[in-house]
Amino acid sequence: MDDISNWQPVYRDLSTLLGPDVARQLHQHFGGSEVTFPMQLLSHEGRIAAIRHDASTGQSIKSLAQAYHLSQRTIRNYLRPD
């Protein structure tokens, strides 16, 4: 059980990234479950808040669209007052 080379590849990867103790905890908590991770770290509301904050620092619509991988139209919609 302590020989990481005998672990499933996903647990070996987690062990490399986070350490063997965390990999074991993840196995105990999520073992047998299918876990997917969203591409975006921020929630929808969190992303809008971050965009509004960045816009308040003077970043252009174009640079915000590129940074957040969104269209300029979407950025403009997010920046409209509620």
C-alpha atoms as a PDB file:
ATOM      1  CA  MET A   1       0.000   0.000   0.000  1.00  0.00           C
ATOM      2  CA  ASP A   2       2.925   2.365   0.624  1.00  0.00           C
ATOM      3  CA  ASP A   3       4.641   1.625  -2.717  1.00  0.00           C
ATOM      4  CA  ILE A   4       3.282   4.415  -4.913  1.00  0.00           C
ATOM      5  CA  SER A   5       4.544   2.703  -8.069  1.00  0.00           C
ATOM      6  CA  ASN A   6       1.777   0.101  -7.550  1.00  0.00           C
ATOM      7  CA  TRP A   7      -0.983   2.725  -7.346  1.00  0.00           C
ATOM      8  CA  GLN A   8      -3.448   3.479 -10.115  1.00  0.00           C
ATOM      9  CA  PRO A   9      -2.078   6.209 -12.437  1.00  0.00           C
ATOM     10  CA  VAL A  10      -4.526   8.879 -11.275  1.00  0.00           C
ATOM     11  CA  TYR A  11      -3.475   8.369  -7.646  1.00  0.00           C
ATOM     12  CA  ARG A  12       0.207   8.419  -8.610  1.00  0.00           C
ATOM     13  CA  ASP A  13      -0.393  11.752 -10.370  1.00  0.00           C
ATOM     14  CA  LEU A  14      -2.239  13.141  -7.353  1.00  0.00           C
ATOM     15  CA  SER A  15       0.552  11.912  -5.100  1.00  0.00           C
ATOM     16  CA  THR A  16       3.119  13.720  -7.222  1.00  0.00           C
ATOM     17  CA  LEU A  17       1.089  16.943  -7.231  1.00  0.00           C
ATOM     18  CA  LEU A  18      -0.282  16.965  -3.700  1.00  0.00           C
ATOM     19  CA  GLY A  19       1.615  14.350  -1.734  1.00  0.00           C
ATOM     20  CA  PRO A  20       0.771  10.746  -0.857  1.00  0.00           C
ATOM     21  CA  ASP A  21      -1.247  11.617   2.256  1.00  0.00           C
ATOM     22  CA  VAL A  22      -3.601  13.862   0.290  1.00  0.00           C
ATOM     23  CA  ALA A  23      -3.866  11.247  -2.481  1.00  0.00           C
ATOM     24  CA  ARG A  24      -4.923   8.687   0.140  1.00  0.00           C
ATOM     25  CA  GLN A  25      -7.495  11.096   1.581  1.00  0.00           C
ATOM     26  CA  LEU A  26      -8.929  11.740  -1.876  1.00  0.00           C
ATOM     27  CA  HIS A  27      -9.121   7.993  -2.473  1.00  0.00           C
ATOM     28  CA  GLN A  28     -10.930   7.461   0.814  1.00  0.00           C
ATOM     29  CA  HIS A  29     -13.360  10.294   0.179  1.00  0.00           C
ATOM     30  CA  PHE A  30     -13.981   9.946  -3.566  1.00  0.00           C
ATOM     31  CA  GLY A  31     -12.898   6.366  -4.316  1.00  0.00           C
ATOM     32  CA  GLY A  32     -15.344   4.776  -6.762  1.00  0.00           C
ATOM     33  CA  SER A  33     -16.834   8.127  -7.765  1.00  0.00           C
ATOM     34  CA  GLU A  34     -16.411   9.843 -11.090  1.00  0.00           C
ATOM     35  CA  VAL A  35     -15.165  13.349 -10.458  1.00  0.00           C
ATOM     36  CA  THR A  36     -14.959  16.032 -13.134  1.00  0.00           C
ATOM     37  CA  PHE A  37     -13.383  19.414 -12.708  1.00  0.00           C
ATOM     38  CA  PRO A  38     -14.879  22.462 -14.453  1.00  0.00           C
ATOM     39  CA  MET A  39     -12.613  24.251 -16.898  1.00  0.00           C
ATOM     40  CA  GLN A  40     -13.230  27.498 -15.037  1.00  0.00           C
ATOM     41  CA  LEU A  41     -12.086  27.904 -11.453  1.00  0.00           C
ATOM     42  CA  LEU A  42     -14.443  30.800 -10.759  1.00  0.00           C
ATOM     43  CA  SER A  43     -18.212  30.503 -10.517  1.00  0.00           C
ATOM     44  CA  HIS A  44     -20.294  32.526 -12.975  1.00  0.00           C
ATOM     45  CA  GLU A  45     -20.870  35.227 -10.381  1.00  0.00           C
ATOM     46  CA  GLY A  46     -17.218  35.146  -9.353  1.00  0.00           C
ATOM     47  CA  ARG A  47     -16.083  35.589 -12.944  1.00  0.00           C
ATOM     48  CA  ILE A  48     -18.393  38.591 -13.421  1.00  0.00           C
ATOM     49  CA  ALA A  49     -17.050  40.134 -10.204  1.00  0.00           C
ATOM     50  CA  ALA A  50     -13.457  39.567 -11.346  1.00  0.00           C
ATOM     51  CA  ILE A  51     -14.179  41.092 -14.758  1.00  0.00           C
ATOM     52  CA  ARG A  52     -15.805  44.125 -13.152  1.00  0.00           C
ATOM     53  CA  HIS A  53     -12.850  44.526 -10.827  1.00  0.00           C
ATOM     54  CA  ASP A  54     -10.354  44.274 -13.687  1.00  0.00           C
ATOM     55  CA  ALA A  55     -12.393  46.750 -15.744  1.00  0.00           C
ATOM     56  CA  SER A  56     -12.328  49.202 -12.831  1.00  0.00           C
ATOM     57  CA  THR A  57      -8.523  49.167 -13.024  1.00  0.00           C
ATOM     58  CA  GLY A  58      -8.700  50.451 -16.591  1.00  0.00           C
ATOM     59  CA  GLN A  59      -8.368  47.270 -18.633  1.00  0.00           C
ATOM     60  CA  SER A  60      -9.964  47.485 -22.057  1.00  0.00           C
ATOM     61  CA  ILE A  61     -12.917  45.396 -23.209  1.00  0.00           C
ATOM     62  CA  LYS A  62     -10.635  43.726 -25.752  1.00  0.00           C
ATOM     63  CA  SER A  63      -7.998  42.753 -23.187  1.00  0.00           C
ATOM     64  CA  LEU A  64     -10.673  41.465 -20.793  1.00  0.00           C
ATOM     65  CA  ALA A  65     -12.228  39.375 -23.555  1.00  0.00           C
ATOM     66  CA  GLN A  66      -8.843  37.848 -24.356  1.00  0.00           C
ATOM     67  CA  ALA A  67      -7.933  37.260 -20.721  1.00  0.00           C
ATOM     68  CA  TYR A  68     -11.231  35.556 -19.876  1.00  0.00           C
ATOM     69  CA  HIS A  69     -11.702  33.802 -23.238  1.00  0.00           C
ATOM     70  CA  LEU A  70     -15.040  35.514 -23.805  1.00  0.00           C
ATOM     71  CA  SER A  71     -16.439  37.682 -26.569  1.00  0.00           C
ATOM     72  CA  GLN A  72     -16.297  41.455 -26.259  1.00  0.00           C
ATOM     73  CA  ARG A  73     -20.098  41.467 -26.366  1.00  0.00           C
ATOM     74  CA  THR A  74     -20.250  39.177 -23.329  1.00  0.00           C
ATOM     75  CA  ILE A  75     -17.791  41.414 -21.479  1.00  0.00           C
ATOM     76  CA  ARG A  76     -19.928  44.463 -22.262  1.00  0.00           C
ATOM     77  CA  ASN A  77     -23.019  42.631 -20.989  1.00  0.00           C
ATOM     78  CA  TYR A  78     -21.213  41.748 -17.759  1.00  0.00           C
ATOM     79  CA  LEU A  79     -20.172  45.355 -17.264  1.00  0.00           C
ATOM     80  CA  ARG A  80     -23.676  46.765 -17.639  1.00  0.00           C
ATOM     81  CA  PRO A  81     -25.150  47.984 -14.359  1.00  0.00           C
ATOM     82  CA  ASP A  82     -27.569  45.560 -12.732  1.00  0.00           C
END
